[in-house]
Amino acid sequence: MLLAITVVGLLLAPTPAAADPPAWRWPLPGQPTILRTFNPPPEPWRSGHRGVDLAASPSTTVLAPGPGTVTYAAPLAGRGVISLLHPGGLRTTYLPVRASVRRGQTVSAGDRLGVVEAVPGHCAESCLHWGLLRGPRYLDPLLLLAWAPIRLLPHWHLPPAPPSGLLLPSNMAIAPPQRLTSQGD
C-alpha cells in the first residue's frame, strides 16, 4: 500500500505553483465497468492499448476527472476527441465524445465535457476510451484514482565479492557478477 501511495504521489506530485494535488474522479458517473485495461506496447511505435476502455452507453455524460484546460475538442478521424491539460503537465484524452466544451475552456473535476458518441469500431460494445499522458509517455489513467495494478520487480541479492588479495587455486576462477533477470523484465 505504501508503494502504491508513493508511486501515485510521485506521478501526481504538485508543481511549485500548486499547493495540493487535485482530487481525481472517474470520467463517467458512478464507478464504471472496465472493459479493457491499459496495455502499453513494448516500444513506442508498436501496437498496444494506451488507455482504458470504460463501459458507457451512447449519450452517457463524460465528466472532467480533474481540473484542467481543454486543449482539443473536435472530431478526429470520424470520432469526437477531447483532450485536457491538467496541472503538473498531465494530459487526459477521451473518445468517442460529442464535445460540449471548447478549446481553451477551463474545467473543474466533475464538469461536463460532452456525451459518449455511438461510433462503432474501438470496442465491441459502446465505451469511453480514457487515456493519460505525461509528455510523450502514455500512463495508466487508473493511476489517477489509485486503481492501477502495481508491479513489483524482483530484488536479487548477489553474493558478496571475495576479499581483495584472496589467492585462489590456479584452476578456479570467479566469474564477474551478472545481472539476473526474471521473465517480463
N, C-alpha and C. Protein backbone atom coordinates (compact mmCIF):
# COMPACT_ATOMS: atom_id res chain seq x y z
N MET A 1 0.84 -1.19 0.00
CA MET A 1 0.00 0.00 0.00
C MET A 1 0.88 1.25 0.00
N LEU A 2 1.95 1.22 0.80
CA LEU A 2 2.84 2.38 0.85
C LEU A 2 3.45 2.62 -0.52
N LEU A 3 3.82 1.53 -1.24
CA LEU A 3 4.38 1.69 -2.56
C LEU A 3 3.38 2.33 -3.51
N ALA A 4 2.12 1.91 -3.45
CA ALA A 4 1.09 2.48 -4.32
C ALA A 4 0.94 3.98 -4.05
N ILE A 5 0.93 4.36 -2.80
CA ILE A 5 0.81 5.78 -2.44
C ILE A 5 2.03 6.54 -2.94
N THR A 6 3.23 5.95 -2.79
CA THR A 6 4.45 6.60 -3.24
C THR A 6 4.45 6.77 -4.75
N VAL A 7 4.07 5.73 -5.49
CA VAL A 7 4.05 5.81 -6.96
C VAL A 7 3.07 6.88 -7.41
N VAL A 8 1.86 6.88 -6.84
CA VAL A 8 0.86 7.87 -7.21
C VAL A 8 1.35 9.26 -6.81
N GLY A 9 1.95 9.38 -5.64
CA GLY A 9 2.47 10.67 -5.18
C GLY A 9 3.53 11.22 -6.10
N LEU A 10 4.44 10.36 -6.58
CA LEU A 10 5.47 10.81 -7.50
C LEU A 10 4.89 11.21 -8.84
N LEU A 11 3.93 10.42 -9.32
CA LEU A 11 3.30 10.70 -10.60
C LEU A 11 2.55 12.02 -10.57
N LEU A 12 1.87 12.26 -9.48
CA LEU A 12 0.99 13.41 -9.40
C LEU A 12 1.53 14.50 -8.47
N ALA A 13 2.83 14.51 -8.25
CA ALA A 13 3.42 15.49 -7.35
C ALA A 13 3.05 16.90 -7.79
N PRO A 14 2.64 17.74 -6.86
CA PRO A 14 2.23 19.10 -7.23
C PRO A 14 3.41 19.91 -7.74
N THR A 15 3.10 20.83 -8.62
CA THR A 15 4.12 21.74 -9.10
C THR A 15 4.29 22.81 -8.04
N PRO A 16 5.39 23.57 -8.07
CA PRO A 16 5.58 24.60 -7.06
C PRO A 16 4.42 25.60 -6.99
N ALA A 17 3.70 25.80 -8.09
CA ALA A 17 2.59 26.75 -8.10
C ALA A 17 1.33 26.17 -7.44
N ALA A 18 1.26 24.85 -7.29
CA ALA A 18 0.07 24.23 -6.73
C ALA A 18 0.35 23.75 -5.31
N ALA A 19 -0.51 24.10 -4.39
CA ALA A 19 -0.33 23.71 -3.00
C ALA A 19 -0.71 22.25 -2.78
N ASP A 20 -1.82 21.81 -3.34
CA ASP A 20 -2.30 20.45 -3.16
C ASP A 20 -2.56 19.82 -4.51
N PRO A 21 -2.25 18.52 -4.66
CA PRO A 21 -2.59 17.87 -5.92
C PRO A 21 -4.10 17.78 -6.06
N PRO A 22 -4.60 17.76 -7.29
CA PRO A 22 -6.06 17.71 -7.48
C PRO A 22 -6.65 16.39 -7.01
N ALA A 23 -7.91 16.43 -6.63
CA ALA A 23 -8.66 15.21 -6.32
C ALA A 23 -9.22 14.70 -7.64
N TRP A 24 -8.96 13.44 -7.95
CA TRP A 24 -9.38 12.87 -9.22
C TRP A 24 -10.64 12.04 -9.06
N ARG A 25 -11.40 11.91 -10.14
CA ARG A 25 -12.64 11.15 -10.16
C ARG A 25 -12.75 10.40 -11.49
N TRP A 26 -13.70 9.49 -11.56
CA TRP A 26 -13.97 8.79 -12.81
C TRP A 26 -14.48 9.79 -13.85
N PRO A 27 -14.21 9.56 -15.14
CA PRO A 27 -14.73 10.46 -16.18
C PRO A 27 -16.17 10.13 -16.58
N LEU A 28 -16.79 9.19 -15.89
CA LEU A 28 -18.18 8.84 -16.11
C LEU A 28 -18.90 8.86 -14.77
N PRO A 29 -20.22 9.03 -14.75
CA PRO A 29 -20.95 8.99 -13.48
C PRO A 29 -20.78 7.63 -12.79
N GLY A 30 -20.71 7.64 -11.47
CA GLY A 30 -20.57 6.40 -10.70
C GLY A 30 -19.21 5.77 -10.87
N GLN A 31 -19.17 4.45 -10.73
CA GLN A 31 -17.93 3.69 -10.94
C GLN A 31 -18.15 2.74 -12.11
N PRO A 32 -17.67 3.11 -13.29
CA PRO A 32 -17.96 2.33 -14.49
C PRO A 32 -17.21 0.99 -14.50
N THR A 33 -17.71 0.09 -15.33
CA THR A 33 -17.07 -1.19 -15.55
C THR A 33 -15.90 -1.00 -16.51
N ILE A 34 -14.77 -1.59 -16.17
CA ILE A 34 -13.59 -1.52 -17.04
C ILE A 34 -13.68 -2.67 -18.03
N LEU A 35 -13.76 -2.33 -19.32
CA LEU A 35 -13.85 -3.35 -20.37
C LEU A 35 -12.48 -3.82 -20.83
N ARG A 36 -11.53 -2.92 -20.87
CA ARG A 36 -10.17 -3.24 -21.32
C ARG A 36 -9.19 -2.37 -20.56
N THR A 37 -8.14 -2.98 -20.05
CA THR A 37 -7.17 -2.26 -19.23
C THR A 37 -6.02 -1.71 -20.09
N PHE A 38 -5.22 -0.91 -19.46
CA PHE A 38 -4.02 -0.32 -20.06
C PHE A 38 -3.03 -1.43 -20.38
N ASN A 39 -2.54 -1.45 -21.61
CA ASN A 39 -1.57 -2.45 -22.04
C ASN A 39 -0.62 -1.78 -23.03
N PRO A 40 0.37 -1.04 -22.50
CA PRO A 40 1.23 -0.28 -23.40
C PRO A 40 2.10 -1.19 -24.26
N PRO A 41 2.51 -0.70 -25.41
CA PRO A 41 3.37 -1.50 -26.27
C PRO A 41 4.79 -1.56 -25.69
N PRO A 42 5.55 -2.60 -26.05
CA PRO A 42 6.92 -2.69 -25.55
C PRO A 42 7.83 -1.59 -26.10
N GLU A 43 7.49 -1.08 -27.26
CA GLU A 43 8.22 0.03 -27.89
C GLU A 43 7.19 1.06 -28.31
N PRO A 44 7.51 2.35 -28.25
CA PRO A 44 6.51 3.39 -28.55
C PRO A 44 5.85 3.27 -29.92
N TRP A 45 6.52 2.71 -30.89
CA TRP A 45 5.97 2.64 -32.25
C TRP A 45 5.15 1.38 -32.50
N ARG A 46 5.09 0.47 -31.52
CA ARG A 46 4.37 -0.78 -31.71
C ARG A 46 2.92 -0.67 -31.23
N SER A 47 2.11 -1.66 -31.60
CA SER A 47 0.70 -1.61 -31.21
C SER A 47 0.53 -1.97 -29.74
N GLY A 48 -0.49 -1.43 -29.15
CA GLY A 48 -0.82 -1.67 -27.74
C GLY A 48 -2.08 -0.91 -27.41
N HIS A 49 -2.49 -0.97 -26.17
CA HIS A 49 -3.68 -0.25 -25.73
C HIS A 49 -3.24 0.83 -24.76
N ARG A 50 -3.27 2.08 -25.20
CA ARG A 50 -2.70 3.21 -24.47
C ARG A 50 -3.72 3.94 -23.61
N GLY A 51 -4.57 3.20 -22.95
CA GLY A 51 -5.58 3.78 -22.07
C GLY A 51 -6.45 2.68 -21.52
N VAL A 52 -7.61 3.05 -20.99
CA VAL A 52 -8.58 2.07 -20.51
C VAL A 52 -9.90 2.34 -21.20
N ASP A 53 -10.66 1.27 -21.44
CA ASP A 53 -12.00 1.39 -22.01
C ASP A 53 -13.01 1.16 -20.90
N LEU A 54 -13.92 2.11 -20.76
CA LEU A 54 -14.96 2.06 -19.73
C LEU A 54 -16.31 1.85 -20.40
N ALA A 55 -17.10 0.91 -19.89
CA ALA A 55 -18.44 0.67 -20.45
C ALA A 55 -19.27 1.95 -20.31
N ALA A 56 -19.88 2.36 -21.42
CA ALA A 56 -20.70 3.58 -21.42
C ALA A 56 -21.65 3.53 -22.60
N SER A 57 -22.91 3.67 -22.32
CA SER A 57 -23.92 3.72 -23.38
C SER A 57 -23.81 5.03 -24.14
N PRO A 58 -24.24 5.04 -25.41
CA PRO A 58 -24.28 6.30 -26.14
C PRO A 58 -25.11 7.33 -25.35
N SER A 59 -24.69 8.55 -25.40
CA SER A 59 -25.31 9.69 -24.70
C SER A 59 -24.99 9.75 -23.21
N THR A 60 -24.13 8.85 -22.69
CA THR A 60 -23.69 8.94 -21.30
C THR A 60 -22.83 10.19 -21.14
N THR A 61 -23.05 10.93 -20.07
CA THR A 61 -22.28 12.15 -19.81
C THR A 61 -20.83 11.81 -19.49
N VAL A 62 -19.90 12.54 -20.12
CA VAL A 62 -18.46 12.42 -19.85
C VAL A 62 -18.07 13.61 -18.99
N LEU A 63 -17.37 13.33 -17.89
CA LEU A 63 -17.02 14.36 -16.90
C LEU A 63 -15.51 14.56 -16.82
N ALA A 64 -15.10 15.76 -16.47
CA ALA A 64 -13.68 16.03 -16.26
C ALA A 64 -13.24 15.29 -14.99
N PRO A 65 -12.18 14.49 -15.05
CA PRO A 65 -11.73 13.76 -13.86
C PRO A 65 -10.95 14.64 -12.89
N GLY A 66 -10.51 15.80 -13.36
CA GLY A 66 -9.77 16.73 -12.53
C GLY A 66 -9.76 18.09 -13.20
N PRO A 67 -9.22 19.10 -12.52
CA PRO A 67 -9.18 20.44 -13.11
C PRO A 67 -8.21 20.49 -14.29
N GLY A 68 -8.53 21.33 -15.26
CA GLY A 68 -7.65 21.45 -16.41
C GLY A 68 -8.18 22.43 -17.44
N THR A 69 -7.49 22.45 -18.56
CA THR A 69 -7.85 23.31 -19.68
C THR A 69 -8.05 22.44 -20.91
N VAL A 70 -9.12 22.68 -21.64
CA VAL A 70 -9.40 21.92 -22.86
C VAL A 70 -8.38 22.34 -23.92
N THR A 71 -7.63 21.37 -24.43
CA THR A 71 -6.65 21.67 -25.48
C THR A 71 -7.13 21.18 -26.85
N TYR A 72 -8.13 20.29 -26.86
CA TYR A 72 -8.69 19.80 -28.12
C TYR A 72 -10.11 19.34 -27.85
N ALA A 73 -11.03 19.69 -28.72
CA ALA A 73 -12.43 19.25 -28.60
C ALA A 73 -13.06 19.33 -29.98
N ALA A 74 -12.85 18.27 -30.77
CA ALA A 74 -13.34 18.26 -32.15
C ALA A 74 -13.27 16.84 -32.69
N PRO A 75 -13.92 16.61 -33.83
CA PRO A 75 -13.80 15.29 -34.46
C PRO A 75 -12.38 15.07 -34.97
N LEU A 76 -11.96 13.82 -34.91
CA LEU A 76 -10.66 13.42 -35.43
C LEU A 76 -10.82 12.01 -35.98
N ALA A 77 -10.58 11.83 -37.25
CA ALA A 77 -10.71 10.53 -37.92
C ALA A 77 -12.10 9.91 -37.68
N GLY A 78 -13.13 10.75 -37.74
CA GLY A 78 -14.50 10.26 -37.64
C GLY A 78 -15.02 10.04 -36.22
N ARG A 79 -14.23 10.40 -35.22
CA ARG A 79 -14.66 10.25 -33.82
C ARG A 79 -14.39 11.55 -33.09
N GLY A 80 -15.29 11.90 -32.17
CA GLY A 80 -15.08 13.07 -31.35
C GLY A 80 -14.01 12.79 -30.31
N VAL A 81 -13.07 13.72 -30.17
CA VAL A 81 -11.95 13.57 -29.23
C VAL A 81 -11.87 14.83 -28.38
N ILE A 82 -11.63 14.61 -27.08
CA ILE A 82 -11.38 15.72 -26.16
C ILE A 82 -10.06 15.45 -25.46
N SER A 83 -9.27 16.49 -25.29
CA SER A 83 -8.00 16.40 -24.57
C SER A 83 -7.96 17.53 -23.55
N LEU A 84 -7.56 17.19 -22.32
CA LEU A 84 -7.42 18.18 -21.24
C LEU A 84 -5.98 18.22 -20.77
N LEU A 85 -5.48 19.42 -20.53
CA LEU A 85 -4.17 19.61 -19.91
C LEU A 85 -4.41 19.94 -18.45
N HIS A 86 -3.82 19.14 -17.56
CA HIS A 86 -4.02 19.29 -16.12
C HIS A 86 -2.79 19.90 -15.47
N PRO A 87 -2.93 20.46 -14.26
CA PRO A 87 -1.77 20.97 -13.54
C PRO A 87 -0.70 19.89 -13.40
N GLY A 88 0.55 20.28 -13.48
CA GLY A 88 1.64 19.32 -13.37
C GLY A 88 2.02 18.69 -14.69
N GLY A 89 1.36 19.10 -15.79
CA GLY A 89 1.74 18.61 -17.11
C GLY A 89 1.07 17.32 -17.55
N LEU A 90 0.12 16.80 -16.78
CA LEU A 90 -0.61 15.60 -17.21
C LEU A 90 -1.63 15.99 -18.26
N ARG A 91 -1.88 15.05 -19.21
CA ARG A 91 -2.87 15.28 -20.25
C ARG A 91 -3.76 14.05 -20.31
N THR A 92 -5.08 14.27 -20.31
CA THR A 92 -6.02 13.16 -20.45
C THR A 92 -6.76 13.30 -21.76
N THR A 93 -7.16 12.15 -22.33
CA THR A 93 -7.88 12.14 -23.60
C THR A 93 -9.11 11.25 -23.47
N TYR A 94 -10.13 11.57 -24.27
CA TYR A 94 -11.42 10.87 -24.22
C TYR A 94 -11.95 10.72 -25.63
N LEU A 95 -12.45 9.52 -25.96
CA LEU A 95 -13.09 9.31 -27.26
C LEU A 95 -13.95 8.06 -27.20
N PRO A 96 -14.98 7.96 -27.99
CA PRO A 96 -15.60 8.96 -28.85
C PRO A 96 -16.57 9.82 -28.03
N VAL A 97 -16.42 11.12 -28.13
CA VAL A 97 -17.23 12.06 -27.33
C VAL A 97 -17.71 13.20 -28.21
N ARG A 98 -18.98 13.51 -28.14
CA ARG A 98 -19.52 14.73 -28.76
C ARG A 98 -19.32 15.83 -27.72
N ALA A 99 -18.42 16.74 -28.00
CA ALA A 99 -17.99 17.75 -27.03
C ALA A 99 -19.05 18.81 -26.75
N SER A 100 -19.12 19.20 -25.48
CA SER A 100 -19.93 20.36 -25.10
C SER A 100 -19.01 21.45 -24.52
N VAL A 101 -17.69 21.26 -24.69
CA VAL A 101 -16.69 22.24 -24.27
C VAL A 101 -15.95 22.71 -25.51
N ARG A 102 -15.17 23.76 -25.36
CA ARG A 102 -14.40 24.28 -26.49
C ARG A 102 -12.94 24.45 -26.08
N ARG A 103 -12.08 24.49 -27.07
CA ARG A 103 -10.65 24.66 -26.84
C ARG A 103 -10.40 25.95 -26.05
N GLY A 104 -9.54 25.85 -25.03
CA GLY A 104 -9.19 27.00 -24.19
C GLY A 104 -10.06 27.12 -22.95
N GLN A 105 -11.14 26.38 -22.88
CA GLN A 105 -12.05 26.45 -21.73
C GLN A 105 -11.42 25.77 -20.51
N THR A 106 -11.59 26.38 -19.34
CA THR A 106 -11.12 25.81 -18.08
C THR A 106 -12.24 24.99 -17.47
N VAL A 107 -11.88 23.79 -16.96
CA VAL A 107 -12.87 22.91 -16.34
C VAL A 107 -12.39 22.50 -14.95
N SER A 108 -13.34 22.13 -14.11
CA SER A 108 -13.06 21.60 -12.78
C SER A 108 -13.47 20.13 -12.75
N ALA A 109 -13.00 19.40 -11.76
CA ALA A 109 -13.39 18.00 -11.61
C ALA A 109 -14.91 17.90 -11.55
N GLY A 110 -15.48 17.01 -12.35
CA GLY A 110 -16.92 16.80 -12.37
C GLY A 110 -17.66 17.63 -13.40
N ASP A 111 -17.00 18.61 -14.04
CA ASP A 111 -17.66 19.39 -15.08
C ASP A 111 -17.96 18.51 -16.30
N ARG A 112 -19.07 18.78 -16.94
CA ARG A 112 -19.49 18.05 -18.14
C ARG A 112 -18.59 18.42 -19.31
N LEU A 113 -18.04 17.39 -19.99
CA LEU A 113 -17.23 17.60 -21.18
C LEU A 113 -18.01 17.34 -22.45
N GLY A 114 -19.00 16.45 -22.38
CA GLY A 114 -19.79 16.07 -23.54
C GLY A 114 -20.49 14.76 -23.25
N VAL A 115 -20.85 14.05 -24.33
CA VAL A 115 -21.53 12.75 -24.18
C VAL A 115 -20.84 11.72 -25.09
N VAL A 116 -20.92 10.47 -24.67
CA VAL A 116 -20.37 9.37 -25.46
C VAL A 116 -21.13 9.27 -26.78
N GLU A 117 -20.40 9.18 -27.87
CA GLU A 117 -21.00 9.03 -29.21
C GLU A 117 -21.23 7.55 -29.52
N ALA A 118 -22.19 7.31 -30.37
CA ALA A 118 -22.47 5.95 -30.86
C ALA A 118 -21.62 5.72 -32.10
N VAL A 119 -20.33 5.48 -31.90
CA VAL A 119 -19.41 5.26 -33.01
C VAL A 119 -18.81 3.86 -32.87
N PRO A 120 -19.08 2.97 -33.80
CA PRO A 120 -18.53 1.62 -33.70
C PRO A 120 -17.04 1.60 -34.04
N GLY A 121 -16.38 0.56 -33.57
CA GLY A 121 -15.01 0.38 -34.01
C GLY A 121 -13.99 0.14 -32.91
N HIS A 122 -13.98 0.94 -31.87
CA HIS A 122 -12.93 0.79 -30.86
C HIS A 122 -13.23 -0.36 -29.91
N CYS A 123 -14.45 -0.46 -29.44
CA CYS A 123 -14.86 -1.52 -28.50
C CYS A 123 -15.94 -2.38 -29.15
N ALA A 124 -16.06 -3.61 -28.69
CA ALA A 124 -17.13 -4.49 -29.18
C ALA A 124 -18.49 -3.95 -28.77
N GLU A 125 -18.54 -3.29 -27.61
CA GLU A 125 -19.78 -2.63 -27.14
C GLU A 125 -19.46 -1.16 -26.93
N SER A 126 -20.46 -0.34 -26.70
CA SER A 126 -20.25 1.09 -26.53
C SER A 126 -19.34 1.35 -25.33
N CYS A 127 -18.37 2.24 -25.53
CA CYS A 127 -17.42 2.52 -24.45
C CYS A 127 -16.85 3.92 -24.57
N LEU A 128 -16.17 4.32 -23.50
CA LEU A 128 -15.37 5.54 -23.49
C LEU A 128 -13.92 5.11 -23.34
N HIS A 129 -13.06 5.54 -24.26
CA HIS A 129 -11.63 5.30 -24.13
C HIS A 129 -11.03 6.50 -23.38
N TRP A 130 -10.32 6.21 -22.28
CA TRP A 130 -9.72 7.25 -21.42
C TRP A 130 -8.22 7.03 -21.42
N GLY A 131 -7.49 8.05 -21.86
CA GLY A 131 -6.03 7.97 -21.92
C GLY A 131 -5.38 8.99 -21.00
N LEU A 132 -4.12 8.73 -20.64
CA LEU A 132 -3.33 9.62 -19.78
C LEU A 132 -1.91 9.69 -20.32
N LEU A 133 -1.39 10.90 -20.43
CA LEU A 133 -0.01 11.10 -20.88
C LEU A 133 0.70 12.09 -19.97
N ARG A 134 2.00 11.90 -19.84
CA ARG A 134 2.91 12.90 -19.26
C ARG A 134 3.98 13.09 -20.32
N GLY A 135 3.96 14.26 -20.97
CA GLY A 135 4.82 14.45 -22.13
C GLY A 135 4.41 13.47 -23.21
N PRO A 136 5.37 12.77 -23.83
CA PRO A 136 5.02 11.81 -24.88
C PRO A 136 4.71 10.41 -24.32
N ARG A 137 4.85 10.22 -23.03
CA ARG A 137 4.72 8.88 -22.43
C ARG A 137 3.29 8.59 -21.97
N TYR A 138 2.73 7.49 -22.46
CA TYR A 138 1.41 7.06 -22.03
C TYR A 138 1.51 6.38 -20.67
N LEU A 139 0.53 6.69 -19.81
CA LEU A 139 0.45 6.11 -18.48
C LEU A 139 -0.93 5.51 -18.28
N ASP A 140 -1.07 4.68 -17.27
CA ASP A 140 -2.36 4.08 -16.95
C ASP A 140 -3.23 5.13 -16.26
N PRO A 141 -4.37 5.53 -16.86
CA PRO A 141 -5.21 6.55 -16.23
C PRO A 141 -5.76 6.12 -14.87
N LEU A 142 -5.78 4.83 -14.60
CA LEU A 142 -6.27 4.37 -13.29
C LEU A 142 -5.32 4.78 -12.17
N LEU A 143 -4.09 5.18 -12.52
CA LEU A 143 -3.17 5.73 -11.51
C LEU A 143 -3.77 6.98 -10.85
N LEU A 144 -4.54 7.74 -11.62
CA LEU A 144 -5.16 8.95 -11.06
C LEU A 144 -6.10 8.62 -9.91
N LEU A 145 -6.69 7.44 -9.95
CA LEU A 145 -7.65 7.02 -8.94
C LEU A 145 -7.03 6.06 -7.92
N ALA A 146 -5.72 5.82 -8.04
CA ALA A 146 -5.00 4.84 -7.21
C ALA A 146 -5.59 3.45 -7.41
N TRP A 147 -6.03 3.14 -8.66
CA TRP A 147 -6.59 1.84 -9.00
C TRP A 147 -5.67 0.99 -9.84
N ALA A 148 -4.60 1.55 -10.35
CA ALA A 148 -3.75 0.81 -11.28
C ALA A 148 -3.00 -0.30 -10.54
N PRO A 149 -2.82 -1.43 -11.21
CA PRO A 149 -2.04 -2.50 -10.58
C PRO A 149 -0.59 -2.06 -10.46
N ILE A 150 0.01 -2.38 -9.35
CA ILE A 150 1.41 -2.06 -9.11
C ILE A 150 2.21 -3.33 -9.33
N ARG A 151 3.21 -3.25 -10.16
CA ARG A 151 4.05 -4.42 -10.43
C ARG A 151 5.39 -4.21 -9.76
N LEU A 152 5.71 -5.07 -8.84
CA LEU A 152 6.99 -5.00 -8.16
C LEU A 152 8.00 -5.87 -8.91
N LEU A 153 9.15 -5.33 -9.17
CA LEU A 153 10.21 -6.11 -9.80
C LEU A 153 10.96 -6.87 -8.71
N PRO A 154 11.47 -8.06 -9.04
CA PRO A 154 12.20 -8.82 -8.02
C PRO A 154 13.48 -8.09 -7.61
N HIS A 155 13.86 -8.30 -6.39
CA HIS A 155 15.11 -7.72 -5.88
C HIS A 155 16.06 -8.89 -5.62
N TRP A 156 17.15 -8.93 -6.34
CA TRP A 156 18.09 -10.04 -6.23
C TRP A 156 19.26 -9.63 -5.35
N HIS A 157 19.68 -10.54 -4.49
CA HIS A 157 20.86 -10.32 -3.67
C HIS A 157 22.01 -11.10 -4.30
N LEU A 158 23.07 -10.42 -4.63
CA LEU A 158 24.24 -11.08 -5.18
C LEU A 158 25.17 -11.47 -4.04
N PRO A 159 25.90 -12.57 -4.18
CA PRO A 159 26.83 -12.93 -3.10
C PRO A 159 27.91 -11.86 -2.98
N PRO A 160 28.44 -11.70 -1.79
CA PRO A 160 29.48 -10.68 -1.62
C PRO A 160 30.72 -11.02 -2.44
N ALA A 161 31.43 -10.00 -2.86
CA ALA A 161 32.67 -10.20 -3.61
C ALA A 161 33.73 -10.77 -2.68
N PRO A 162 34.63 -11.58 -3.22
CA PRO A 162 35.70 -12.11 -2.36
C PRO A 162 36.60 -10.98 -1.88
N PRO A 163 37.18 -11.15 -0.73
CA PRO A 163 38.09 -10.10 -0.24
C PRO A 163 39.26 -9.92 -1.20
N SER A 164 39.75 -8.70 -1.28
CA SER A 164 40.87 -8.44 -2.19
C SER A 164 42.11 -9.16 -1.66
N GLY A 165 42.93 -9.58 -2.57
CA GLY A 165 44.15 -10.28 -2.20
C GLY A 165 43.93 -11.76 -1.93
N LEU A 166 42.72 -12.26 -2.14
CA LEU A 166 42.43 -13.67 -1.91
C LEU A 166 43.12 -14.49 -2.98
N LEU A 167 43.89 -15.49 -2.56
CA LEU A 167 44.57 -16.35 -3.51
C LEU A 167 43.71 -17.58 -3.75
N LEU A 168 43.42 -17.84 -4.99
CA LEU A 168 42.63 -18.99 -5.38
C LEU A 168 43.52 -19.98 -6.10
N PRO A 169 43.16 -21.26 -6.03
CA PRO A 169 43.92 -22.23 -6.82
C PRO A 169 43.87 -21.84 -8.29
N SER A 170 44.91 -22.17 -9.03
CA SER A 170 45.02 -21.75 -10.43
C SER A 170 43.90 -22.31 -11.30
N ASN A 171 43.28 -23.42 -10.91
CA ASN A 171 42.21 -23.98 -11.73
C ASN A 171 40.83 -23.44 -11.35
N MET A 172 40.75 -22.44 -10.46
CA MET A 172 39.47 -21.88 -10.03
C MET A 172 39.42 -20.40 -10.40
N ALA A 173 38.35 -20.01 -11.00
CA ALA A 173 38.18 -18.59 -11.37
C ALA A 173 36.84 -18.12 -10.83
N ILE A 174 36.75 -16.85 -10.56
CA ILE A 174 35.49 -16.25 -10.11
C ILE A 174 34.96 -15.43 -11.27
N ALA A 175 33.76 -15.79 -11.68
CA ALA A 175 33.13 -15.04 -12.77
C ALA A 175 32.60 -13.72 -12.22
N PRO A 176 32.68 -12.67 -13.02
CA PRO A 176 32.10 -11.40 -12.55
C PRO A 176 30.60 -11.55 -12.36
N PRO A 177 30.02 -10.80 -11.41
CA PRO A 177 28.56 -10.92 -11.20
C PRO A 177 27.83 -10.50 -12.47
N GLN A 178 26.74 -11.20 -12.74
CA GLN A 178 25.91 -10.88 -13.90
C GLN A 178 24.55 -10.43 -13.41
N ARG A 179 23.93 -9.59 -14.20
CA ARG A 179 22.58 -9.12 -13.86
C ARG A 179 21.61 -10.27 -14.01
N LEU A 180 20.85 -10.53 -12.98
CA LEU A 180 19.84 -11.56 -13.03
C LEU A 180 18.55 -10.93 -13.50
N THR A 181 17.82 -11.63 -14.33
CA THR A 181 16.55 -11.11 -14.81
C THR A 181 15.46 -12.10 -14.52
N SER A 182 14.26 -11.62 -14.52
CA SER A 182 13.10 -12.50 -14.39
C SER A 182 12.27 -12.34 -15.65
N GLN A 183 11.38 -13.27 -15.88
CA GLN A 183 10.54 -13.20 -17.07
C GLN A 183 9.72 -11.93 -17.04
N GLY A 184 9.64 -11.22 -18.14
CA GLY A 184 8.88 -9.99 -18.22
C GLY A 184 9.69 -8.78 -17.84
N ASP A 185 10.95 -8.95 -17.51
CA ASP A 185 11.81 -7.85 -17.09
C ASP A 185 12.33 -7.09 -18.27
